[in-house]
Amino acid sequence: MGITAEPVFIRSYVWPDSLAQYSVGHTGRIAAIEAQVSRTKGLHLIGNAYHGVGIPDCIALAKQTADRINVLPTTPT
């Protein structure tokens, strides 16, 4: 955009203890949730509550989910 001016103000926020910590039994709970969700066609859950709290984990899960959703039926031509 070619912006060269200095910012008028800057704000920085610190969120202590903001990274989620899974408790003991998390893997089993997630397996149970996914088993239940798999019974509902069209329902997909993504986010840092499932398979990793970091941004790369969330992106990977979103891509995997998008790949599952984007399976198009073949149509005769």
PDB file of N, CA and C in Angstrom:
ATOM      1  N   MET A   1       0.821  -1.181   0.000  1.00  0.00           N
ATOM      2  CA  MET A   1       0.000   0.000   0.000  1.00  0.00           C
ATOM      3  C   MET A   1       0.867   1.248   0.000  1.00  0.00           C
ATOM      4  N   GLY A   2       2.147   1.105   0.235  1.00  0.00           N
ATOM      5  CA  GLY A   2       3.034   2.252   0.176  1.00  0.00           C
ATOM      6  C   GLY A   2       2.976   3.181   1.378  1.00  0.00           C
ATOM      7  N   ILE A   3       2.482   2.716   2.500  1.00  0.00           N
ATOM      8  CA  ILE A   3       2.381   3.567   3.697  1.00  0.00           C
ATOM      9  C   ILE A   3       3.766   3.707   4.315  1.00  0.00           C
ATOM     10  N   THR A   4       4.186   4.940   4.551  1.00  0.00           N
ATOM     11  CA  THR A   4       5.508   5.180   5.132  1.00  0.00           C
ATOM     12  C   THR A   4       5.441   5.950   6.448  1.00  0.00           C
ATOM     13  N   ALA A   5       4.287   6.463   6.813  1.00  0.00           N
ATOM     14  CA  ALA A   5       4.143   7.253   8.043  1.00  0.00           C
ATOM     15  C   ALA A   5       4.282   6.368   9.275  1.00  0.00           C
ATOM     16  N   GLU A   6       4.758   6.955  10.356  1.00  0.00           N
ATOM     17  CA  GLU A   6       4.837   6.266  11.639  1.00  0.00           C
ATOM     18  C   GLU A   6       3.435   6.097  12.203  1.00  0.00           C
ATOM     19  N   PRO A   7       3.172   5.034  12.960  1.00  0.00           N
ATOM     20  CA  PRO A   7       1.838   4.868  13.557  1.00  0.00           C
ATOM     21  C   PRO A   7       1.538   5.966  14.570  1.00  0.00           C
ATOM     22  N   VAL A   8       0.276   6.309  14.687  1.00  0.00           N
ATOM     23  CA  VAL A   8      -0.152   7.323  15.648  1.00  0.00           C
ATOM     24  C   VAL A   8      -0.093   6.744  17.061  1.00  0.00           C
ATOM     25  N   PHE A   9      -0.479   5.477  17.218  1.00  0.00           N
ATOM     26  CA  PHE A   9      -0.397   4.817  18.522  1.00  0.00           C
ATOM     27  C   PHE A   9      -0.201   3.319  18.306  1.00  0.00           C
ATOM     28  N   ILE A  10       0.328   2.680  19.314  1.00  0.00           N
ATOM     29  CA  ILE A  10       0.544   1.233  19.296  1.00  0.00           C
ATOM     30  C   ILE A  10       0.048   0.678  20.624  1.00  0.00           C
ATOM     31  N   ARG A  11      -0.666  -0.425  20.568  1.00  0.00           N
ATOM     32  CA  ARG A  11      -1.118  -1.099  21.789  1.00  0.00           C
ATOM     33  C   ARG A  11      -0.605  -2.524  21.768  1.00  0.00           C
ATOM     34  N   SER A  12      -0.155  -2.966  22.899  1.00  0.00           N
ATOM     35  CA  SER A  12       0.320  -4.330  23.045  1.00  0.00           C
ATOM     36  C   SER A  12      -0.377  -4.946  24.251  1.00  0.00           C
ATOM     37  N   TYR A  13      -0.878  -6.166  24.086  1.00  0.00           N
ATOM     38  CA  TYR A  13      -1.587  -6.842  25.166  1.00  0.00           C
ATOM     39  C   TYR A  13      -0.860  -8.135  25.515  1.00  0.00           C
ATOM     40  N   VAL A  14      -0.756  -8.409  26.781  1.00  0.00           N
ATOM     41  CA  VAL A  14      -0.170  -9.655  27.254  1.00  0.00           C
ATOM     42  C   VAL A  14      -1.281 -10.475  27.901  1.00  0.00           C
ATOM     43  N   TRP A  15      -1.391 -11.721  27.486  1.00  0.00           N
ATOM     44  CA  TRP A  15      -2.412 -12.621  28.022  1.00  0.00           C
ATOM     45  C   TRP A  15      -1.698 -13.767  28.742  1.00  0.00           C
ATOM     46  N   PRO A  16      -1.404 -13.579  30.032  1.00  0.00           N
ATOM     47  CA  PRO A  16      -0.704 -14.641  30.753  1.00  0.00           C
ATOM     48  C   PRO A  16      -1.536 -15.923  30.816  1.00  0.00           C
ATOM     49  N   ASP A  17      -0.847 -17.034  30.712  1.00  0.00           N
ATOM     50  CA  ASP A  17      -1.491 -18.357  30.777  1.00  0.00           C
ATOM     51  C   ASP A  17      -2.579 -18.524  29.725  1.00  0.00           C
ATOM     52  N   SER A  18      -2.401 -17.910  28.566  1.00  0.00           N
ATOM     53  CA  SER A  18      -3.452 -17.941  27.554  1.00  0.00           C
ATOM     54  C   SER A  18      -3.382 -19.158  26.633  1.00  0.00           C
ATOM     55  N   LEU A  19      -2.285 -19.881  26.640  1.00  0.00           N
ATOM     56  CA  LEU A  19      -2.170 -21.058  25.802  1.00  0.00           C
ATOM     57  C   LEU A  19      -2.860 -22.228  26.499  1.00  0.00           C
ATOM     58  N   ALA A  20      -3.802 -22.808  25.810  1.00  0.00           N
ATOM     59  CA  ALA A  20      -4.586 -23.898  26.410  1.00  0.00           C
ATOM     60  C   ALA A  20      -3.695 -25.061  26.824  1.00  0.00           C
ATOM     61  N   GLN A  21      -4.026 -25.673  27.927  1.00  0.00           N
ATOM     62  CA  GLN A  21      -3.331 -26.852  28.423  1.00  0.00           C
ATOM     63  C   GLN A  21      -4.355 -27.983  28.529  1.00  0.00           C
ATOM     64  N   TYR A  22      -4.161 -29.025  27.748  1.00  0.00           N
ATOM     65  CA  TYR A  22      -5.081 -30.151  27.803  1.00  0.00           C
ATOM     66  C   TYR A  22      -4.892 -30.911  29.108  1.00  0.00           C
ATOM     67  N   SER A  23      -5.983 -31.349  29.685  1.00  0.00           N
ATOM     68  CA  SER A  23      -5.907 -32.119  30.928  1.00  0.00           C
ATOM     69  C   SER A  23      -5.810 -33.610  30.613  1.00  0.00           C
ATOM     70  N   VAL A  24      -5.475 -34.389  31.618  1.00  0.00           N
ATOM     71  CA  VAL A  24      -5.366 -35.841  31.472  1.00  0.00           C
ATOM     72  C   VAL A  24      -6.710 -36.383  30.969  1.00  0.00           C
ATOM     73  N   GLY A  25      -6.661 -37.248  29.979  1.00  0.00           N
ATOM     74  CA  GLY A  25      -7.872 -37.830  29.414  1.00  0.00           C
ATOM     75  C   GLY A  25      -8.367 -37.104  28.180  1.00  0.00           C
ATOM     76  N   HIS A  26      -7.662 -36.053  27.766  1.00  0.00           N
ATOM     77  CA  HIS A  26      -8.095 -35.239  26.622  1.00  0.00           C
ATOM     78  C   HIS A  26      -8.257 -36.086  25.358  1.00  0.00           C
ATOM     79  N   THR A  27      -7.284 -36.935  25.084  1.00  0.00           N
ATOM     80  CA  THR A  27      -7.327 -37.740  23.859  1.00  0.00           C
ATOM     81  C   THR A  27      -8.573 -38.621  23.817  1.00  0.00           C
ATOM     82  N   GLY A  28      -8.910 -39.231  24.924  1.00  0.00           N
ATOM     83  CA  GLY A  28     -10.116 -40.068  24.980  1.00  0.00           C
ATOM     84  C   GLY A  28     -11.392 -39.270  24.795  1.00  0.00           C
ATOM     85  N   ARG A  29     -11.444 -38.095  25.421  1.00  0.00           N
ATOM     86  CA  ARG A  29     -12.628 -37.238  25.261  1.00  0.00           C
ATOM     87  C   ARG A  29     -12.796 -36.794  23.811  1.00  0.00           C
ATOM     88  N   ILE A  30     -11.681 -36.435  23.174  1.00  0.00           N
ATOM     89  CA  ILE A  30     -11.744 -36.007  21.778  1.00  0.00           C
ATOM     90  C   ILE A  30     -12.187 -37.163  20.885  1.00  0.00           C
ATOM     91  N   ALA A  31     -11.692 -38.357  21.151  1.00  0.00           N
ATOM     92  CA  ALA A  31     -12.114 -39.532  20.372  1.00  0.00           C
ATOM     93  C   ALA A  31     -13.617 -39.755  20.500  1.00  0.00           C
ATOM     94  N   ALA A  32     -14.139 -39.607  21.702  1.00  0.00           N
ATOM     95  CA  ALA A  32     -15.582 -39.781  21.924  1.00  0.00           C
ATOM     96  C   ALA A  32     -16.381 -38.695  21.200  1.00  0.00           C
ATOM     97  N   ILE A  33     -15.909 -37.473  21.269  1.00  0.00           N
ATOM     98  CA  ILE A  33     -16.588 -36.363  20.579  1.00  0.00           C
ATOM     99  C   ILE A  33     -16.587 -36.613  19.073  1.00  0.00           C
ATOM    100  N   GLU A  34     -15.425 -36.994  18.528  1.00  0.00           N
ATOM    101  CA  GLU A  34     -15.336 -37.223  17.088  1.00  0.00           C
ATOM    102  C   GLU A  34     -16.208 -38.389  16.642  1.00  0.00           C
ATOM    103  N   ALA A  35     -16.328 -39.414  17.474  1.00  0.00           N
ATOM    104  CA  ALA A  35     -17.205 -40.537  17.133  1.00  0.00           C
ATOM    105  C   ALA A  35     -18.655 -40.075  17.049  1.00  0.00           C
ATOM    106  N   GLN A  36     -19.057 -39.232  17.997  1.00  0.00           N
ATOM    107  CA  GLN A  36     -20.424 -38.712  17.996  1.00  0.00           C
ATOM    108  C   GLN A  36     -20.657 -37.791  16.796  1.00  0.00           C
ATOM    109  N   VAL A  37     -19.702 -36.903  16.533  1.00  0.00           N
ATOM    110  CA  VAL A  37     -19.837 -35.948  15.432  1.00  0.00           C
ATOM    111  C   VAL A  37     -19.888 -36.671  14.087  1.00  0.00           C
ATOM    112  N   SER A  38     -19.152 -37.767  13.959  1.00  0.00           N
ATOM    113  CA  SER A  38     -19.110 -38.491  12.680  1.00  0.00           C
ATOM    114  C   SER A  38     -20.478 -39.037  12.290  1.00  0.00           C
ATOM    115  N   ARG A  39     -21.378 -39.139  13.237  1.00  0.00           N
ATOM    116  CA  ARG A  39     -22.730 -39.638  12.953  1.00  0.00           C
ATOM    117  C   ARG A  39     -23.646 -38.565  12.389  1.00  0.00           C
ATOM    118  N   THR A  40     -23.187 -37.323  12.395  1.00  0.00           N
ATOM    119  CA  THR A  40     -24.003 -36.212  11.894  1.00  0.00           C
ATOM    120  C   THR A  40     -23.383 -35.691  10.608  1.00  0.00           C
ATOM    121  N   LYS A  41     -23.985 -36.056   9.486  1.00  0.00           N
ATOM    122  CA  LYS A  41     -23.460 -35.675   8.185  1.00  0.00           C
ATOM    123  C   LYS A  41     -23.380 -34.152   8.079  1.00  0.00           C
ATOM    124  N   GLY A  42     -22.235 -33.674   7.606  1.00  0.00           N
ATOM    125  CA  GLY A  42     -22.056 -32.245   7.379  1.00  0.00           C
ATOM    126  C   GLY A  42     -21.545 -31.468   8.575  1.00  0.00           C
ATOM    127  N   LEU A  43     -21.418 -32.116   9.724  1.00  0.00           N
ATOM    128  CA  LEU A  43     -20.911 -31.430  10.914  1.00  0.00           C
ATOM    129  C   LEU A  43     -19.422 -31.691  11.045  1.00  0.00           C
ATOM    130  N   HIS A  44     -18.654 -30.616  11.152  1.00  0.00           N
ATOM    131  CA  HIS A  44     -17.201 -30.705  11.278  1.00  0.00           C
ATOM    132  C   HIS A  44     -16.763 -29.749  12.376  1.00  0.00           C
ATOM    133  N   LEU A  45     -15.898 -30.206  13.248  1.00  0.00           N
ATOM    134  CA  LEU A  45     -15.399 -29.369  14.333  1.00  0.00           C
ATOM    135  C   LEU A  45     -13.908 -29.123  14.133  1.00  0.00           C
ATOM    136  N   ILE A  46     -13.501 -27.864  14.223  1.00  0.00           N
ATOM    137  CA  ILE A  46     -12.087 -27.529  14.156  1.00  0.00           C
ATOM    138  C   ILE A  46     -11.796 -26.463  15.201  1.00  0.00           C
ATOM    139  N   GLY A  47     -10.540 -26.329  15.543  1.00  0.00           N
ATOM    140  CA  GLY A  47     -10.132 -25.318  16.502  1.00  0.00           C
ATOM    141  C   GLY A  47      -9.044 -25.859  17.410  1.00  0.00           C
ATOM    142  N   ASN A  48      -8.565 -25.030  18.301  1.00  0.00           N
ATOM    143  CA  ASN A  48      -7.445 -25.436  19.144  1.00  0.00           C
ATOM    144  C   ASN A  48      -7.866 -26.331  20.303  1.00  0.00           C
ATOM    145  N   ALA A  49      -9.127 -26.627  20.424  1.00  0.00           N
ATOM    146  CA  ALA A  49      -9.598 -27.491  21.510  1.00  0.00           C
ATOM    147  C   ALA A  49      -9.437 -28.975  21.181  1.00  0.00           C
ATOM    148  N   TYR A  50      -9.019 -29.303  19.962  1.00  0.00           N
ATOM    149  CA  TYR A  50      -9.056 -30.690  19.536  1.00  0.00           C
ATOM    150  C   TYR A  50      -7.683 -31.347  19.391  1.00  0.00           C
ATOM    151  N   HIS A  51      -6.860 -30.883  18.459  1.00  0.00           N
ATOM    152  CA  HIS A  51      -5.611 -31.589  18.141  1.00  0.00           C
ATOM    153  C   HIS A  51      -4.402 -30.676  18.096  1.00  0.00           C
ATOM    154  N   GLY A  52      -4.325 -29.713  18.954  1.00  0.00           N
ATOM    155  CA  GLY A  52      -3.154 -28.840  19.002  1.00  0.00           C
ATOM    156  C   GLY A  52      -3.572 -27.402  19.208  1.00  0.00           C
ATOM    157  N   VAL A  53      -2.857 -26.716  20.067  1.00  0.00           N
ATOM    158  CA  VAL A  53      -3.265 -25.360  20.443  1.00  0.00           C
ATOM    159  C   VAL A  53      -2.603 -24.279  19.601  1.00  0.00           C
ATOM    160  N   GLY A  54      -1.546 -24.607  18.888  1.00  0.00           N
ATOM    161  CA  GLY A  54      -0.826 -23.595  18.122  1.00  0.00           C
ATOM    162  C   GLY A  54      -1.507 -23.263  16.808  1.00  0.00           C
ATOM    163  N   ILE A  55      -1.136 -22.125  16.251  1.00  0.00           N
ATOM    164  CA  ILE A  55      -1.691 -21.709  14.962  1.00  0.00           C
ATOM    165  C   ILE A  55      -1.380 -22.732  13.872  1.00  0.00           C
ATOM    166  N   PRO A  56      -0.146 -23.260  13.765  1.00  0.00           N
ATOM    167  CA  PRO A  56       0.110 -24.271  12.738  1.00  0.00           C
ATOM    168  C   PRO A  56      -0.771 -25.513  12.903  1.00  0.00           C
ATOM    169  N   ASP A  57      -1.033 -25.910  14.141  1.00  0.00           N
ATOM    170  CA  ASP A  57      -1.921 -27.054  14.383  1.00  0.00           C
ATOM    171  C   ASP A  57      -3.329 -26.768  13.868  1.00  0.00           C
ATOM    172  N   CYS A  58      -3.822 -25.570  14.142  1.00  0.00           N
ATOM    173  CA  CYS A  58      -5.166 -25.193  13.715  1.00  0.00           C
ATOM    174  C   CYS A  58      -5.260 -25.113  12.197  1.00  0.00           C
ATOM    175  N   ILE A  59      -4.226 -24.583  11.563  1.00  0.00           N
ATOM    176  CA  ILE A  59      -4.210 -24.503  10.100  1.00  0.00           C
ATOM    177  C   ILE A  59      -4.206 -25.905   9.502  1.00  0.00           C
ATOM    178  N   ALA A  60      -3.383 -26.795  10.050  1.00  0.00           N
ATOM    179  CA  ALA A  60      -3.328 -28.162   9.543  1.00  0.00           C
ATOM    180  C   ALA A  60      -4.681 -28.854   9.683  1.00  0.00           C
ATOM    181  N   LEU A  61      -5.325 -28.699  10.828  1.00  0.00           N
ATOM    182  CA  LEU A  61      -6.639 -29.317  11.038  1.00  0.00           C
ATOM    183  C   LEU A  61      -7.676 -28.726  10.085  1.00  0.00           C
ATOM    184  N   ALA A  62      -7.611 -27.423   9.853  1.00  0.00           N
ATOM    185  CA  ALA A  62      -8.548 -26.776   8.924  1.00  0.00           C
ATOM    186  C   ALA A  62      -8.347 -27.308   7.508  1.00  0.00           C
ATOM    187  N   LYS A  63      -7.091 -27.475   7.097  1.00  0.00           N
ATOM    188  CA  LYS A  63      -6.822 -28.001   5.752  1.00  0.00           C
ATOM    189  C   LYS A  63      -7.301 -29.440   5.619  1.00  0.00           C
ATOM    190  N   GLN A  64      -7.048 -30.258   6.638  1.00  0.00           N
ATOM    191  CA  GLN A  64      -7.511 -31.645   6.605  1.00  0.00           C
ATOM    192  C   GLN A  64      -9.032 -31.705   6.513  1.00  0.00           C
ATOM    193  N   THR A  65      -9.688 -30.862   7.279  1.00  0.00           N
ATOM    194  CA  THR A  65     -11.152 -30.836   7.275  1.00  0.00           C
ATOM    195  C   THR A  65     -11.673 -30.359   5.924  1.00  0.00           C
ATOM    196  N   ALA A  66     -11.051 -29.326   5.378  1.00  0.00           N
ATOM    197  CA  ALA A  66     -11.460 -28.825   4.065  1.00  0.00           C
ATOM    198  C   ALA A  66     -11.294 -29.898   3.000  1.00  0.00           C
ATOM    199  N   ASP A  67     -10.210 -30.668   3.075  1.00  0.00           N
ATOM    200  CA  ASP A  67     -10.012 -31.759   2.115  1.00  0.00           C
ATOM    201  C   ASP A  67     -11.115 -32.802   2.225  1.00  0.00           C
ATOM    202  N   ARG A  68     -11.536 -33.116   3.458  1.00  0.00           N
ATOM    203  CA  ARG A  68     -12.629 -34.085   3.646  1.00  0.00           C
ATOM    204  C   ARG A  68     -13.944 -33.536   3.105  1.00  0.00           C
ATOM    205  N   ILE A  69     -14.192 -32.254   3.306  1.00  0.00           N
ATOM    206  CA  ILE A  69     -15.436 -31.639   2.853  1.00  0.00           C
ATOM    207  C   ILE A  69     -15.454 -31.520   1.340  1.00  0.00           C
ATOM    208  N   ASN A  70     -14.309 -31.271   0.747  1.00  0.00           N
ATOM    209  CA  ASN A  70     -14.221 -30.971  -0.680  1.00  0.00           C
ATOM    210  C   ASN A  70     -14.161 -32.207  -1.566  1.00  0.00           C
ATOM    211  N   VAL A  71     -14.617 -33.321  -1.073  1.00  0.00           N
ATOM    212  CA  VAL A  71     -14.672 -34.522  -1.895  1.00  0.00           C
ATOM    213  C   VAL A  71     -15.944 -34.439  -2.736  1.00  0.00           C
ATOM    214  N   LEU A  72     -15.746 -34.137  -4.004  1.00  0.00           N
ATOM    215  CA  LEU A  72     -16.885 -33.949  -4.902  1.00  0.00           C
ATOM    216  C   LEU A  72     -17.262 -35.267  -5.568  1.00  0.00           C
ATOM    217  N   PRO A  73     -18.545 -35.539  -5.664  1.00  0.00           N
ATOM    218  CA  PRO A  73     -18.959 -36.755  -6.366  1.00  0.00           C
ATOM    219  C   PRO A  73     -18.638 -36.612  -7.859  1.00  0.00           C
ATOM    220  N   THR A  74     -18.280 -37.723  -8.475  1.00  0.00           N
ATOM    221  CA  THR A  74     -18.022 -37.667  -9.920  1.00  0.00           C
ATOM    222  C   THR A  74     -19.343 -37.665 -10.646  1.00  0.00           C
ATOM    223  N   THR A  75     -19.400 -36.878 -11.695  1.00  0.00           N
ATOM    224  CA  THR A  75     -20.629 -36.814 -12.504  1.00  0.00           C
ATOM    225  C   THR A  75     -20.284 -37.249 -13.915  1.00  0.00           C
ATOM    226  N   PRO A  76     -21.190 -37.960 -14.538  1.00  0.00           N
ATOM    227  CA  PRO A  76     -20.936 -38.385 -15.913  1.00  0.00           C
ATOM    228  C   PRO A  76     -20.852 -37.168 -16.834  1.00  0.00           C
ATOM    229  N   THR A  77     -19.943 -37.226 -17.805  1.00  0.00           N
ATOM    230  CA  THR A  77     -19.808 -36.111 -18.757  1.00  0.00           C
ATOM    231  C   THR A  77     -20.377 -36.447 -20.091  1.00  0.00           C
TER     232      THR A  77
END
